Amino acid sequence: MCAQLLRHSAQSIQKRGAEFSRSLWPLNAAHGPQTQAEQQGLEAVAKKPDAAFYTEEELGGRSYFTAVYADRATLPSCVECHNPHPYSPRRDFKQGDVMGAIVVRVPLEF
């Protein structure tokens, strides 16, 4: 249920041009890293979930500040949904594990 609320919020935000949620182990390939900065950020927060990852990147000729924050399996239902899911590339999540990240991308030029 929490993941569905997060996904709905992400889709609403993405309609306005912002990014939201990504994972190294997405159930849907479209939710995997889309840029080199996202890949680096996801790898960084998977190793050190208490430290956010910050960088600048250029996309489509525009400069962005990008922040990546760990998204953990905070509830048993997170693990209970992802581990047995038929499209899950990983089946050994435990409660508290990093399952993905929240990506916040802000244009540096308005």
N, C-alpha and C. Protein backbone atom coordinates (compact mmCIF):
# COMPACT_ATOMS: atom_id res chain seq x y z
N MET A 1 0.82 -1.18 0.00
CA MET A 1 0.00 0.00 0.00
C MET A 1 0.87 1.26 0.00
N CYS A 2 1.91 1.31 0.87
CA CYS A 2 2.77 2.49 0.92
C CYS A 2 3.45 2.70 -0.44
N ALA A 3 3.92 1.62 -1.04
CA ALA A 3 4.60 1.73 -2.33
C ALA A 3 3.64 2.24 -3.40
N GLN A 4 2.40 1.83 -3.34
CA GLN A 4 1.43 2.28 -4.33
C GLN A 4 1.16 3.78 -4.19
N LEU A 5 1.10 4.26 -2.97
CA LEU A 5 0.92 5.69 -2.72
C LEU A 5 2.14 6.45 -3.24
N LEU A 6 3.31 5.94 -2.95
CA LEU A 6 4.54 6.56 -3.44
C LEU A 6 4.57 6.58 -4.96
N ARG A 7 4.21 5.48 -5.59
CA ARG A 7 4.21 5.39 -7.05
C ARG A 7 3.20 6.38 -7.64
N HIS A 8 2.01 6.46 -7.07
CA HIS A 8 1.00 7.41 -7.56
C HIS A 8 1.51 8.84 -7.44
N SER A 9 2.13 9.17 -6.31
CA SER A 9 2.71 10.50 -6.13
C SER A 9 3.79 10.76 -7.16
N ALA A 10 4.64 9.77 -7.39
CA ALA A 10 5.73 9.91 -8.36
C ALA A 10 5.18 10.18 -9.75
N GLN A 11 4.16 9.45 -10.15
CA GLN A 11 3.57 9.63 -11.47
C GLN A 11 2.97 11.02 -11.61
N SER A 12 2.35 11.50 -10.56
CA SER A 12 1.77 12.84 -10.59
C SER A 12 2.86 13.90 -10.73
N ILE A 13 3.94 13.74 -9.99
CA ILE A 13 5.06 14.67 -10.06
C ILE A 13 5.75 14.60 -11.42
N GLN A 14 5.91 13.40 -11.96
CA GLN A 14 6.59 13.23 -13.25
C GLN A 14 5.82 13.88 -14.39
N LYS A 15 4.52 13.98 -14.27
CA LYS A 15 3.72 14.65 -15.31
C LYS A 15 4.10 16.12 -15.42
N ARG A 16 4.70 16.65 -14.37
CA ARG A 16 5.12 18.05 -14.36
C ARG A 16 6.61 18.18 -14.68
N GLY A 17 7.27 17.08 -15.07
CA GLY A 17 8.65 17.13 -15.52
C GLY A 17 9.69 16.80 -14.47
N ALA A 18 9.28 16.39 -13.28
CA ALA A 18 10.23 16.06 -12.22
C ALA A 18 10.44 14.55 -12.17
N GLU A 19 11.54 14.14 -11.60
CA GLU A 19 11.83 12.73 -11.39
C GLU A 19 11.47 12.38 -9.96
N PHE A 20 11.37 11.10 -9.68
CA PHE A 20 11.00 10.75 -8.32
C PHE A 20 11.67 9.47 -7.84
N SER A 21 11.22 8.32 -8.22
CA SER A 21 11.68 7.07 -7.62
C SER A 21 12.40 6.18 -8.64
N ARG A 22 13.52 5.61 -8.23
CA ARG A 22 14.32 4.71 -9.07
C ARG A 22 14.84 3.57 -8.21
N SER A 23 15.32 2.50 -8.88
CA SER A 23 15.89 1.37 -8.15
C SER A 23 16.92 0.65 -9.00
N LEU A 24 17.90 0.07 -8.33
CA LEU A 24 18.84 -0.82 -9.01
C LEU A 24 18.18 -2.17 -9.30
N TRP A 25 17.07 -2.44 -8.59
CA TRP A 25 16.35 -3.71 -8.73
C TRP A 25 14.87 -3.44 -9.00
N PRO A 26 14.55 -2.76 -10.08
CA PRO A 26 13.15 -2.37 -10.32
C PRO A 26 12.27 -3.54 -10.74
N LEU A 27 11.02 -3.51 -10.31
CA LEU A 27 10.05 -4.49 -10.79
C LEU A 27 9.66 -4.16 -12.23
N ASN A 28 9.74 -2.89 -12.57
CA ASN A 28 9.44 -2.40 -13.92
C ASN A 28 10.73 -1.74 -14.42
N ALA A 29 11.27 -2.19 -15.54
CA ALA A 29 12.55 -1.68 -16.05
C ALA A 29 12.55 -0.16 -16.23
N ALA A 30 11.39 0.43 -16.47
CA ALA A 30 11.30 1.88 -16.63
C ALA A 30 11.64 2.63 -15.35
N HIS A 31 11.66 1.94 -14.21
CA HIS A 31 11.96 2.57 -12.93
C HIS A 31 13.40 2.36 -12.51
N GLY A 32 14.22 1.86 -13.41
CA GLY A 32 15.65 1.72 -13.16
C GLY A 32 16.35 3.04 -13.43
N PRO A 33 17.65 3.10 -13.21
CA PRO A 33 18.38 4.35 -13.46
C PRO A 33 18.29 4.77 -14.92
N GLN A 34 18.06 6.06 -15.13
CA GLN A 34 17.90 6.58 -16.48
C GLN A 34 19.09 7.43 -16.92
N THR A 35 19.92 7.85 -15.97
CA THR A 35 21.09 8.66 -16.28
C THR A 35 22.29 8.12 -15.51
N GLN A 36 23.47 8.56 -15.91
CA GLN A 36 24.69 8.15 -15.20
C GLN A 36 24.64 8.64 -13.74
N ALA A 37 24.13 9.85 -13.53
CA ALA A 37 24.03 10.38 -12.18
C ALA A 37 23.10 9.52 -11.32
N GLU A 38 21.98 9.07 -11.88
CA GLU A 38 21.08 8.19 -11.13
C GLU A 38 21.76 6.87 -10.80
N GLN A 39 22.47 6.31 -11.75
CA GLN A 39 23.19 5.05 -11.51
C GLN A 39 24.19 5.22 -10.37
N GLN A 40 25.00 6.29 -10.44
CA GLN A 40 25.99 6.54 -9.40
C GLN A 40 25.31 6.79 -8.05
N GLY A 41 24.23 7.55 -8.06
CA GLY A 41 23.52 7.84 -6.83
C GLY A 41 22.90 6.60 -6.21
N LEU A 42 22.28 5.77 -7.03
CA LEU A 42 21.69 4.53 -6.52
C LEU A 42 22.75 3.61 -5.92
N GLU A 43 23.88 3.50 -6.59
CA GLU A 43 24.97 2.67 -6.06
C GLU A 43 25.49 3.24 -4.74
N ALA A 44 25.61 4.57 -4.67
CA ALA A 44 26.13 5.22 -3.46
C ALA A 44 25.20 5.01 -2.27
N VAL A 45 23.89 5.24 -2.44
CA VAL A 45 22.97 5.10 -1.30
C VAL A 45 22.74 3.63 -0.95
N ALA A 46 22.95 2.72 -1.89
CA ALA A 46 22.85 1.29 -1.56
C ALA A 46 23.99 0.89 -0.61
N LYS A 47 25.16 1.51 -0.81
CA LYS A 47 26.32 1.21 0.05
C LYS A 47 26.26 1.96 1.37
N LYS A 48 25.82 3.23 1.32
CA LYS A 48 25.76 4.08 2.51
C LYS A 48 24.40 4.78 2.56
N PRO A 49 23.38 4.08 3.04
CA PRO A 49 22.02 4.62 2.99
C PRO A 49 21.79 5.87 3.83
N ASP A 50 22.63 6.13 4.80
CA ASP A 50 22.43 7.31 5.64
C ASP A 50 23.04 8.57 5.04
N ALA A 51 23.75 8.43 3.94
CA ALA A 51 24.38 9.57 3.28
C ALA A 51 23.71 9.80 1.92
N ALA A 52 23.12 10.96 1.76
CA ALA A 52 22.52 11.30 0.46
C ALA A 52 23.63 11.52 -0.57
N PHE A 53 23.27 11.36 -1.83
CA PHE A 53 24.20 11.57 -2.94
C PHE A 53 23.77 12.84 -3.67
N TYR A 54 24.72 13.74 -3.90
CA TYR A 54 24.43 15.00 -4.60
C TYR A 54 25.37 15.16 -5.78
N THR A 55 24.83 15.69 -6.88
CA THR A 55 25.66 15.97 -8.05
C THR A 55 24.94 16.99 -8.93
N GLU A 56 25.65 17.46 -9.93
CA GLU A 56 25.05 18.28 -10.97
C GLU A 56 25.14 17.48 -12.26
N GLU A 57 24.16 17.63 -13.11
CA GLU A 57 24.17 16.95 -14.41
C GLU A 57 23.52 17.84 -15.46
N GLU A 58 23.86 17.55 -16.70
CA GLU A 58 23.26 18.28 -17.81
C GLU A 58 22.41 17.32 -18.61
N LEU A 59 21.16 17.70 -18.81
CA LEU A 59 20.22 16.89 -19.57
C LEU A 59 19.49 17.78 -20.57
N GLY A 60 19.53 17.43 -21.80
CA GLY A 60 18.83 18.20 -22.82
C GLY A 60 19.27 19.64 -22.89
N GLY A 61 20.54 19.90 -22.61
CA GLY A 61 21.05 21.26 -22.68
C GLY A 61 20.78 22.10 -21.44
N ARG A 62 20.18 21.51 -20.41
CA ARG A 62 19.90 22.24 -19.16
C ARG A 62 20.71 21.63 -18.03
N SER A 63 21.13 22.46 -17.09
CA SER A 63 21.87 22.00 -15.92
C SER A 63 20.91 21.76 -14.76
N TYR A 64 21.17 20.69 -14.04
CA TYR A 64 20.31 20.30 -12.91
C TYR A 64 21.16 19.96 -11.69
N PHE A 65 20.62 20.27 -10.52
CA PHE A 65 21.12 19.74 -9.27
C PHE A 65 20.32 18.47 -9.02
N THR A 66 21.00 17.36 -8.77
CA THR A 66 20.32 16.09 -8.56
C THR A 66 20.71 15.54 -7.19
N ALA A 67 19.71 15.16 -6.41
CA ALA A 67 19.92 14.56 -5.10
C ALA A 67 19.26 13.18 -5.10
N VAL A 68 19.94 12.21 -4.49
CA VAL A 68 19.43 10.84 -4.42
C VAL A 68 19.42 10.43 -2.95
N TYR A 69 18.25 9.99 -2.47
CA TYR A 69 18.06 9.59 -1.08
C TYR A 69 17.59 8.14 -1.03
N ALA A 70 18.16 7.36 -0.14
CA ALA A 70 17.80 5.95 -0.01
C ALA A 70 16.32 5.77 0.33
N ASP A 71 15.71 4.77 -0.30
CA ASP A 71 14.33 4.38 -0.01
C ASP A 71 14.41 2.96 0.55
N ARG A 72 14.12 2.82 1.83
CA ARG A 72 14.28 1.53 2.51
C ARG A 72 12.96 0.76 2.62
N ALA A 73 13.11 -0.52 2.81
CA ALA A 73 11.96 -1.39 3.09
C ALA A 73 11.59 -1.16 4.56
N THR A 74 10.74 -0.20 4.81
CA THR A 74 10.43 0.16 6.18
C THR A 74 9.39 -0.75 6.84
N LEU A 75 8.59 -1.40 6.02
CA LEU A 75 7.54 -2.27 6.54
C LEU A 75 7.72 -3.70 6.05
N PRO A 76 7.25 -4.68 6.78
CA PRO A 76 7.32 -6.06 6.30
C PRO A 76 6.63 -6.22 4.95
N SER A 77 5.58 -5.44 4.70
CA SER A 77 4.84 -5.58 3.44
C SER A 77 5.71 -5.22 2.23
N CYS A 78 6.72 -4.37 2.40
CA CYS A 78 7.63 -4.04 1.29
C CYS A 78 8.34 -5.30 0.81
N VAL A 79 8.91 -6.01 1.77
CA VAL A 79 9.64 -7.23 1.49
C VAL A 79 8.70 -8.33 0.99
N GLU A 80 7.54 -8.45 1.63
CA GLU A 80 6.56 -9.47 1.27
C GLU A 80 6.04 -9.29 -0.14
N CYS A 81 6.04 -8.05 -0.64
CA CYS A 81 5.60 -7.79 -2.01
C CYS A 81 6.73 -8.01 -3.02
N HIS A 82 7.90 -7.46 -2.74
CA HIS A 82 8.99 -7.48 -3.72
C HIS A 82 9.67 -8.84 -3.87
N ASN A 83 9.95 -9.52 -2.77
CA ASN A 83 10.69 -10.78 -2.87
C ASN A 83 9.99 -11.83 -3.74
N PRO A 84 8.69 -12.07 -3.59
CA PRO A 84 8.05 -13.11 -4.42
C PRO A 84 7.52 -12.59 -5.76
N HIS A 85 7.62 -11.28 -5.99
CA HIS A 85 7.05 -10.72 -7.22
C HIS A 85 7.69 -11.38 -8.45
N PRO A 86 6.89 -11.78 -9.43
CA PRO A 86 7.43 -12.49 -10.60
C PRO A 86 8.46 -11.69 -11.41
N TYR A 87 8.42 -10.37 -11.33
CA TYR A 87 9.38 -9.55 -12.07
C TYR A 87 10.53 -9.04 -11.22
N SER A 88 10.60 -9.48 -9.99
CA SER A 88 11.64 -9.00 -9.09
C SER A 88 13.00 -9.59 -9.47
N PRO A 89 13.99 -8.72 -9.73
CA PRO A 89 15.33 -9.24 -10.03
C PRO A 89 16.10 -9.61 -8.77
N ARG A 90 15.53 -9.31 -7.62
CA ARG A 90 16.18 -9.63 -6.35
C ARG A 90 15.12 -10.19 -5.41
N ARG A 91 15.45 -11.26 -4.70
CA ARG A 91 14.45 -11.94 -3.87
C ARG A 91 14.91 -12.14 -2.43
N ASP A 92 15.92 -11.38 -2.02
CA ASP A 92 16.46 -11.56 -0.67
C ASP A 92 16.39 -10.29 0.18
N PHE A 93 15.48 -9.38 -0.13
CA PHE A 93 15.34 -8.16 0.67
C PHE A 93 14.91 -8.52 2.08
N LYS A 94 15.42 -7.73 3.04
CA LYS A 94 15.01 -7.83 4.43
C LYS A 94 14.51 -6.46 4.85
N GLN A 95 13.66 -6.43 5.87
CA GLN A 95 13.16 -5.16 6.35
C GLN A 95 14.34 -4.28 6.73
N GLY A 96 14.31 -3.02 6.29
CA GLY A 96 15.40 -2.08 6.55
C GLY A 96 16.37 -1.94 5.40
N ASP A 97 16.37 -2.90 4.45
CA ASP A 97 17.26 -2.83 3.30
C ASP A 97 16.89 -1.67 2.38
N VAL A 98 17.88 -1.15 1.68
CA VAL A 98 17.63 -0.16 0.64
C VAL A 98 17.04 -0.89 -0.56
N MET A 99 15.87 -0.45 -1.00
CA MET A 99 15.21 -1.08 -2.15
C MET A 99 15.29 -0.20 -3.39
N GLY A 100 15.59 1.06 -3.18
CA GLY A 100 15.66 2.00 -4.28
C GLY A 100 16.03 3.36 -3.74
N ALA A 101 15.60 4.39 -4.44
CA ALA A 101 15.94 5.75 -4.01
C ALA A 101 14.90 6.73 -4.52
N ILE A 102 14.86 7.84 -3.85
CA ILE A 102 14.07 8.98 -4.28
C ILE A 102 15.06 9.92 -4.98
N VAL A 103 14.77 10.25 -6.23
CA VAL A 103 15.62 11.15 -7.00
C VAL A 103 14.92 12.50 -7.11
N VAL A 104 15.60 13.53 -6.67
CA VAL A 104 15.08 14.89 -6.76
C VAL A 104 15.99 15.66 -7.70
N ARG A 105 15.40 16.17 -8.75
CA ARG A 105 16.18 16.89 -9.77
C ARG A 105 15.58 18.29 -9.92
N VAL A 106 16.43 19.30 -9.71
CA VAL A 106 15.99 20.69 -9.77
C VAL A 106 16.80 21.44 -10.83
N PRO A 107 16.15 22.13 -11.74
CA PRO A 107 16.91 22.90 -12.74
C PRO A 107 17.71 24.02 -12.06
N LEU A 108 18.94 24.23 -12.50
CA LEU A 108 19.77 25.29 -11.94
C LEU A 108 19.50 26.62 -12.61
N GLU A 109 18.82 26.58 -13.73
CA GLU A 109 18.48 27.80 -14.46
C GLU A 109 16.96 27.83 -14.64
N PHE A 110 16.35 28.93 -14.27
CA PHE A 110 14.90 29.05 -14.40
C PHE A 110 14.53 29.97 -15.51
